[in-house]
Amino acid sequence: LHLHQLDIDEGYNIHERPEEAAGLPLIVNASINVRNILDIDEKAQLVSLETTLRFYWRDSRIKPKEEFLTSEDDHGKYISLNPSMANNIWMPDIFIDQAKAL
């Protein structure tokens, strides 16, 4: 994903979360895919995993250009975000409770 694939509203601020209608909280959906169990330490009660986290939400200030909507799922058409784009758009803060290390 590159910036030329998006229409971004004038005055867009990455530090302001997207607004929902009627002042409702923004819904950020998440899914996790466990790819591999690396280690289980029963004595220390630790599990080491390889996972993929997927977050998705709708930001009405950003609209993908139709010709770049190449993926589709149950929620509709979408563009996957390249990690290098994270510095250019609003991203939710992610906290994983009781994580030993990330």
N, C-alpha and C. Protein backbone atom coordinates (compact mmCIF):
# COMPACT_ATOMS: atom_id res chain seq x y z
N LEU A 1 0.84 -1.19 0.00
CA LEU A 1 0.00 0.00 0.00
C LEU A 1 0.87 1.23 0.00
N HIS A 2 0.59 2.14 -0.88
CA HIS A 2 1.31 3.41 -0.98
C HIS A 2 0.29 4.54 -0.91
N LEU A 3 0.76 5.73 -0.53
CA LEU A 3 -0.15 6.87 -0.36
C LEU A 3 -0.94 7.19 -1.63
N HIS A 4 -0.37 6.95 -2.81
CA HIS A 4 -1.10 7.26 -4.05
C HIS A 4 -2.31 6.35 -4.24
N GLN A 5 -2.44 5.29 -3.45
CA GLN A 5 -3.58 4.38 -3.54
C GLN A 5 -4.75 4.84 -2.69
N LEU A 6 -4.58 5.98 -1.98
CA LEU A 6 -5.60 6.46 -1.05
C LEU A 6 -6.02 7.88 -1.36
N ASP A 7 -7.28 8.18 -1.05
CA ASP A 7 -7.76 9.56 -1.01
C ASP A 7 -7.85 9.93 0.47
N ILE A 8 -7.02 10.87 0.91
CA ILE A 8 -6.97 11.27 2.32
C ILE A 8 -7.53 12.67 2.45
N ASP A 9 -8.47 12.85 3.41
CA ASP A 9 -9.09 14.15 3.62
C ASP A 9 -8.05 15.23 3.91
N GLU A 10 -8.34 16.43 3.44
CA GLU A 10 -7.51 17.60 3.73
C GLU A 10 -7.49 17.82 5.25
N GLY A 11 -6.34 18.11 5.80
CA GLY A 11 -6.24 18.35 7.23
C GLY A 11 -6.21 17.09 8.07
N TYR A 12 -6.00 15.95 7.45
CA TYR A 12 -5.95 14.68 8.17
C TYR A 12 -4.86 14.73 9.24
N ASN A 13 -5.19 14.27 10.45
CA ASN A 13 -4.24 14.28 11.57
C ASN A 13 -4.13 12.86 12.11
N ILE A 14 -2.93 12.28 12.04
CA ILE A 14 -2.75 10.89 12.50
C ILE A 14 -2.91 10.75 14.01
N HIS A 15 -2.90 11.85 14.74
CA HIS A 15 -3.02 11.80 16.20
C HIS A 15 -4.46 11.86 16.68
N GLU A 16 -5.40 12.03 15.77
CA GLU A 16 -6.82 12.06 16.12
C GLU A 16 -7.47 10.78 15.63
N ARG A 17 -8.12 10.07 16.57
CA ARG A 17 -8.76 8.82 16.15
C ARG A 17 -9.96 9.14 15.26
N PRO A 18 -10.28 8.23 14.36
CA PRO A 18 -11.44 8.43 13.48
C PRO A 18 -12.72 8.57 14.31
N GLU A 19 -13.65 9.38 13.83
CA GLU A 19 -14.91 9.59 14.53
C GLU A 19 -15.98 8.66 13.99
N GLU A 20 -16.82 8.20 14.89
CA GLU A 20 -18.01 7.44 14.52
C GLU A 20 -19.20 8.38 14.56
N ALA A 21 -20.26 8.00 13.92
CA ALA A 21 -21.49 8.81 13.93
C ALA A 21 -22.02 8.92 15.36
N ALA A 22 -22.60 10.04 15.68
CA ALA A 22 -23.26 10.30 16.97
C ALA A 22 -22.30 10.17 18.15
N GLY A 23 -21.00 10.36 17.92
CA GLY A 23 -20.05 10.34 19.01
C GLY A 23 -19.79 8.98 19.64
N LEU A 24 -20.19 7.91 18.96
CA LEU A 24 -19.97 6.57 19.50
C LEU A 24 -18.49 6.21 19.42
N PRO A 25 -18.03 5.31 20.29
CA PRO A 25 -16.61 4.90 20.23
C PRO A 25 -16.31 4.18 18.91
N LEU A 26 -15.09 4.35 18.43
CA LEU A 26 -14.65 3.66 17.22
C LEU A 26 -14.50 2.18 17.52
N ILE A 27 -15.03 1.34 16.67
CA ILE A 27 -14.90 -0.10 16.83
C ILE A 27 -13.67 -0.56 16.04
N VAL A 28 -12.72 -1.16 16.77
CA VAL A 28 -11.54 -1.76 16.15
C VAL A 28 -11.66 -3.26 16.36
N ASN A 29 -11.79 -3.99 15.26
CA ASN A 29 -11.90 -5.44 15.32
C ASN A 29 -10.51 -6.05 15.26
N ALA A 30 -10.37 -7.22 15.86
CA ALA A 30 -9.07 -7.88 15.87
C ALA A 30 -9.25 -9.38 15.69
N SER A 31 -8.24 -9.99 15.10
CA SER A 31 -8.19 -11.44 15.02
C SER A 31 -6.75 -11.85 15.25
N ILE A 32 -6.57 -13.06 15.74
CA ILE A 32 -5.23 -13.58 15.98
C ILE A 32 -5.13 -14.96 15.36
N ASN A 33 -4.02 -15.21 14.71
CA ASN A 33 -3.74 -16.50 14.10
C ASN A 33 -2.48 -17.05 14.75
N VAL A 34 -2.59 -18.17 15.44
CA VAL A 34 -1.42 -18.81 16.04
C VAL A 34 -0.75 -19.64 14.94
N ARG A 35 0.46 -19.23 14.56
CA ARG A 35 1.18 -19.92 13.49
C ARG A 35 2.05 -21.06 14.01
N ASN A 36 2.57 -20.89 15.23
CA ASN A 36 3.48 -21.89 15.73
C ASN A 36 3.58 -21.78 17.26
N ILE A 37 3.61 -22.91 17.93
CA ILE A 37 3.90 -22.94 19.36
C ILE A 37 5.38 -23.26 19.48
N LEU A 38 6.16 -22.29 19.93
CA LEU A 38 7.61 -22.44 19.97
C LEU A 38 8.10 -23.19 21.20
N ASP A 39 7.46 -22.90 22.35
CA ASP A 39 7.94 -23.50 23.59
C ASP A 39 6.84 -23.44 24.64
N ILE A 40 6.80 -24.46 25.48
CA ILE A 40 5.91 -24.47 26.64
C ILE A 40 6.77 -24.81 27.85
N ASP A 41 6.79 -23.88 28.81
CA ASP A 41 7.53 -24.09 30.05
C ASP A 41 6.51 -24.18 31.17
N GLU A 42 6.12 -25.41 31.52
CA GLU A 42 5.07 -25.61 32.52
C GLU A 42 5.48 -25.06 33.88
N LYS A 43 6.72 -25.28 34.26
CA LYS A 43 7.19 -24.83 35.57
C LYS A 43 7.10 -23.31 35.70
N ALA A 44 7.53 -22.60 34.67
CA ALA A 44 7.47 -21.13 34.69
C ALA A 44 6.12 -20.59 34.23
N GLN A 45 5.26 -21.47 33.76
CA GLN A 45 3.94 -21.13 33.24
C GLN A 45 4.04 -20.11 32.09
N LEU A 46 4.95 -20.44 31.13
CA LEU A 46 5.15 -19.57 29.97
C LEU A 46 4.91 -20.36 28.69
N VAL A 47 4.30 -19.69 27.73
CA VAL A 47 4.10 -20.25 26.40
C VAL A 47 4.68 -19.25 25.41
N SER A 48 5.53 -19.72 24.51
CA SER A 48 6.09 -18.87 23.45
C SER A 48 5.40 -19.21 22.14
N LEU A 49 4.86 -18.18 21.49
CA LEU A 49 4.08 -18.37 20.27
C LEU A 49 4.57 -17.49 19.14
N GLU A 50 4.37 -17.95 17.91
CA GLU A 50 4.44 -17.10 16.73
C GLU A 50 3.00 -16.84 16.31
N THR A 51 2.64 -15.57 16.22
CA THR A 51 1.26 -15.23 15.89
C THR A 51 1.20 -14.13 14.84
N THR A 52 0.06 -14.01 14.23
CA THR A 52 -0.25 -12.89 13.36
C THR A 52 -1.46 -12.19 13.95
N LEU A 53 -1.32 -10.90 14.21
CA LEU A 53 -2.44 -10.09 14.70
C LEU A 53 -2.99 -9.29 13.52
N ARG A 54 -4.29 -9.26 13.38
CA ARG A 54 -4.93 -8.48 12.32
C ARG A 54 -5.93 -7.54 12.98
N PHE A 55 -5.80 -6.26 12.67
CA PHE A 55 -6.73 -5.25 13.19
C PHE A 55 -7.39 -4.58 12.00
N TYR A 56 -8.67 -4.32 12.13
CA TYR A 56 -9.35 -3.62 11.05
C TYR A 56 -10.42 -2.71 11.62
N TRP A 57 -10.57 -1.56 10.97
CA TRP A 57 -11.52 -0.53 11.36
C TRP A 57 -11.80 0.32 10.14
N ARG A 58 -12.80 1.14 10.25
CA ARG A 58 -13.16 2.03 9.14
C ARG A 58 -12.85 3.47 9.55
N ASP A 59 -12.00 4.11 8.75
CA ASP A 59 -11.64 5.51 8.97
C ASP A 59 -12.23 6.29 7.80
N SER A 60 -13.29 7.03 8.07
CA SER A 60 -14.00 7.73 6.99
C SER A 60 -13.17 8.85 6.37
N ARG A 61 -12.05 9.20 7.00
CA ARG A 61 -11.18 10.25 6.47
C ARG A 61 -10.25 9.73 5.37
N ILE A 62 -10.17 8.41 5.26
CA ILE A 62 -9.30 7.77 4.27
C ILE A 62 -10.16 6.86 3.41
N LYS A 63 -10.03 6.99 2.11
CA LYS A 63 -10.78 6.13 1.21
C LYS A 63 -9.81 5.52 0.19
N PRO A 64 -9.79 4.19 0.11
CA PRO A 64 -8.93 3.57 -0.90
C PRO A 64 -9.52 3.82 -2.29
N LYS A 65 -8.63 4.02 -3.25
CA LYS A 65 -9.09 4.18 -4.62
C LYS A 65 -9.57 2.83 -5.14
N GLU A 66 -10.69 2.83 -5.81
CA GLU A 66 -11.38 1.61 -6.23
C GLU A 66 -10.47 0.63 -6.97
N GLU A 67 -9.61 1.14 -7.81
CA GLU A 67 -8.77 0.25 -8.62
C GLU A 67 -7.73 -0.53 -7.80
N PHE A 68 -7.52 -0.13 -6.54
CA PHE A 68 -6.55 -0.82 -5.68
C PHE A 68 -7.21 -1.76 -4.68
N LEU A 69 -8.53 -1.86 -4.70
CA LEU A 69 -9.24 -2.78 -3.80
C LEU A 69 -9.16 -4.18 -4.38
N THR A 70 -8.10 -4.88 -4.06
CA THR A 70 -7.85 -6.19 -4.69
C THR A 70 -8.16 -7.36 -3.77
N SER A 71 -8.44 -7.11 -2.49
CA SER A 71 -8.76 -8.19 -1.54
C SER A 71 -10.19 -8.03 -1.06
N GLU A 72 -10.80 -9.15 -0.67
CA GLU A 72 -12.18 -9.12 -0.19
C GLU A 72 -12.39 -10.24 0.82
N ASP A 73 -13.18 -9.93 1.87
CA ASP A 73 -13.57 -10.95 2.84
C ASP A 73 -15.03 -10.71 3.24
N ASP A 74 -15.46 -11.28 4.35
CA ASP A 74 -16.85 -11.14 4.79
C ASP A 74 -17.25 -9.69 5.07
N HIS A 75 -16.26 -8.82 5.32
CA HIS A 75 -16.52 -7.42 5.63
C HIS A 75 -16.54 -6.54 4.39
N GLY A 76 -16.12 -7.09 3.26
CA GLY A 76 -16.10 -6.33 2.02
C GLY A 76 -14.70 -6.23 1.44
N LYS A 77 -14.54 -5.33 0.48
CA LYS A 77 -13.25 -5.13 -0.17
C LYS A 77 -12.34 -4.31 0.73
N TYR A 78 -11.04 -4.58 0.62
CA TYR A 78 -10.08 -3.85 1.46
C TYR A 78 -8.70 -3.83 0.81
N ILE A 79 -7.84 -2.98 1.38
CA ILE A 79 -6.43 -2.91 1.04
C ILE A 79 -5.66 -3.27 2.29
N SER A 80 -4.68 -4.15 2.17
CA SER A 80 -3.83 -4.48 3.32
C SER A 80 -2.82 -3.36 3.54
N LEU A 81 -2.57 -3.07 4.80
CA LEU A 81 -1.65 -2.00 5.16
C LEU A 81 -0.23 -2.52 5.23
N ASN A 82 0.65 -1.94 4.47
CA ASN A 82 2.07 -2.24 4.56
C ASN A 82 2.59 -1.61 5.84
N PRO A 83 3.38 -2.33 6.65
CA PRO A 83 3.86 -1.76 7.92
C PRO A 83 4.55 -0.41 7.78
N SER A 84 5.16 -0.13 6.64
CA SER A 84 5.82 1.16 6.46
C SER A 84 4.83 2.32 6.43
N MET A 85 3.55 2.03 6.18
CA MET A 85 2.52 3.07 6.15
C MET A 85 2.02 3.46 7.54
N ALA A 86 2.38 2.69 8.55
CA ALA A 86 1.86 2.94 9.89
C ALA A 86 2.20 4.33 10.40
N ASN A 87 3.26 4.93 9.92
CA ASN A 87 3.63 6.28 10.36
C ASN A 87 2.82 7.36 9.68
N ASN A 88 2.00 6.99 8.69
CA ASN A 88 1.23 7.97 7.92
C ASN A 88 -0.26 7.99 8.22
N ILE A 89 -0.75 7.02 8.96
CA ILE A 89 -2.18 6.98 9.27
C ILE A 89 -2.38 6.70 10.76
N TRP A 90 -3.58 6.99 11.25
CA TRP A 90 -3.92 6.68 12.64
C TRP A 90 -3.92 5.18 12.83
N MET A 91 -3.30 4.75 13.92
CA MET A 91 -3.27 3.34 14.28
C MET A 91 -3.70 3.21 15.73
N PRO A 92 -4.47 2.18 16.07
CA PRO A 92 -4.88 2.01 17.47
C PRO A 92 -3.68 1.61 18.33
N ASP A 93 -3.69 2.02 19.59
CA ASP A 93 -2.69 1.56 20.54
C ASP A 93 -3.00 0.12 20.89
N ILE A 94 -1.97 -0.71 20.94
CA ILE A 94 -2.16 -2.14 21.19
C ILE A 94 -1.48 -2.50 22.50
N PHE A 95 -2.25 -3.08 23.41
CA PHE A 95 -1.72 -3.55 24.68
C PHE A 95 -2.06 -5.03 24.82
N ILE A 96 -1.07 -5.82 25.16
CA ILE A 96 -1.28 -7.24 25.39
C ILE A 96 -1.00 -7.50 26.85
N ASP A 97 -2.06 -7.74 27.60
CA ASP A 97 -1.96 -7.92 29.06
C ASP A 97 -1.18 -9.19 29.39
N GLN A 98 -0.29 -9.08 30.34
CA GLN A 98 0.52 -10.18 30.85
C GLN A 98 1.48 -10.77 29.83
N ALA A 99 1.84 -10.01 28.82
CA ALA A 99 2.84 -10.48 27.85
C ALA A 99 4.21 -10.35 28.49
N LYS A 100 5.00 -11.39 28.40
CA LYS A 100 6.35 -11.39 28.95
C LYS A 100 7.28 -10.58 28.05
N ALA A 101 7.17 -10.79 26.75
CA ALA A 101 7.98 -10.07 25.77
C ALA A 101 7.27 -10.12 24.43
N LEU A 102 7.55 -9.12 23.60
CA LEU A 102 6.98 -9.08 22.25
C LEU A 102 8.09 -8.98 21.24
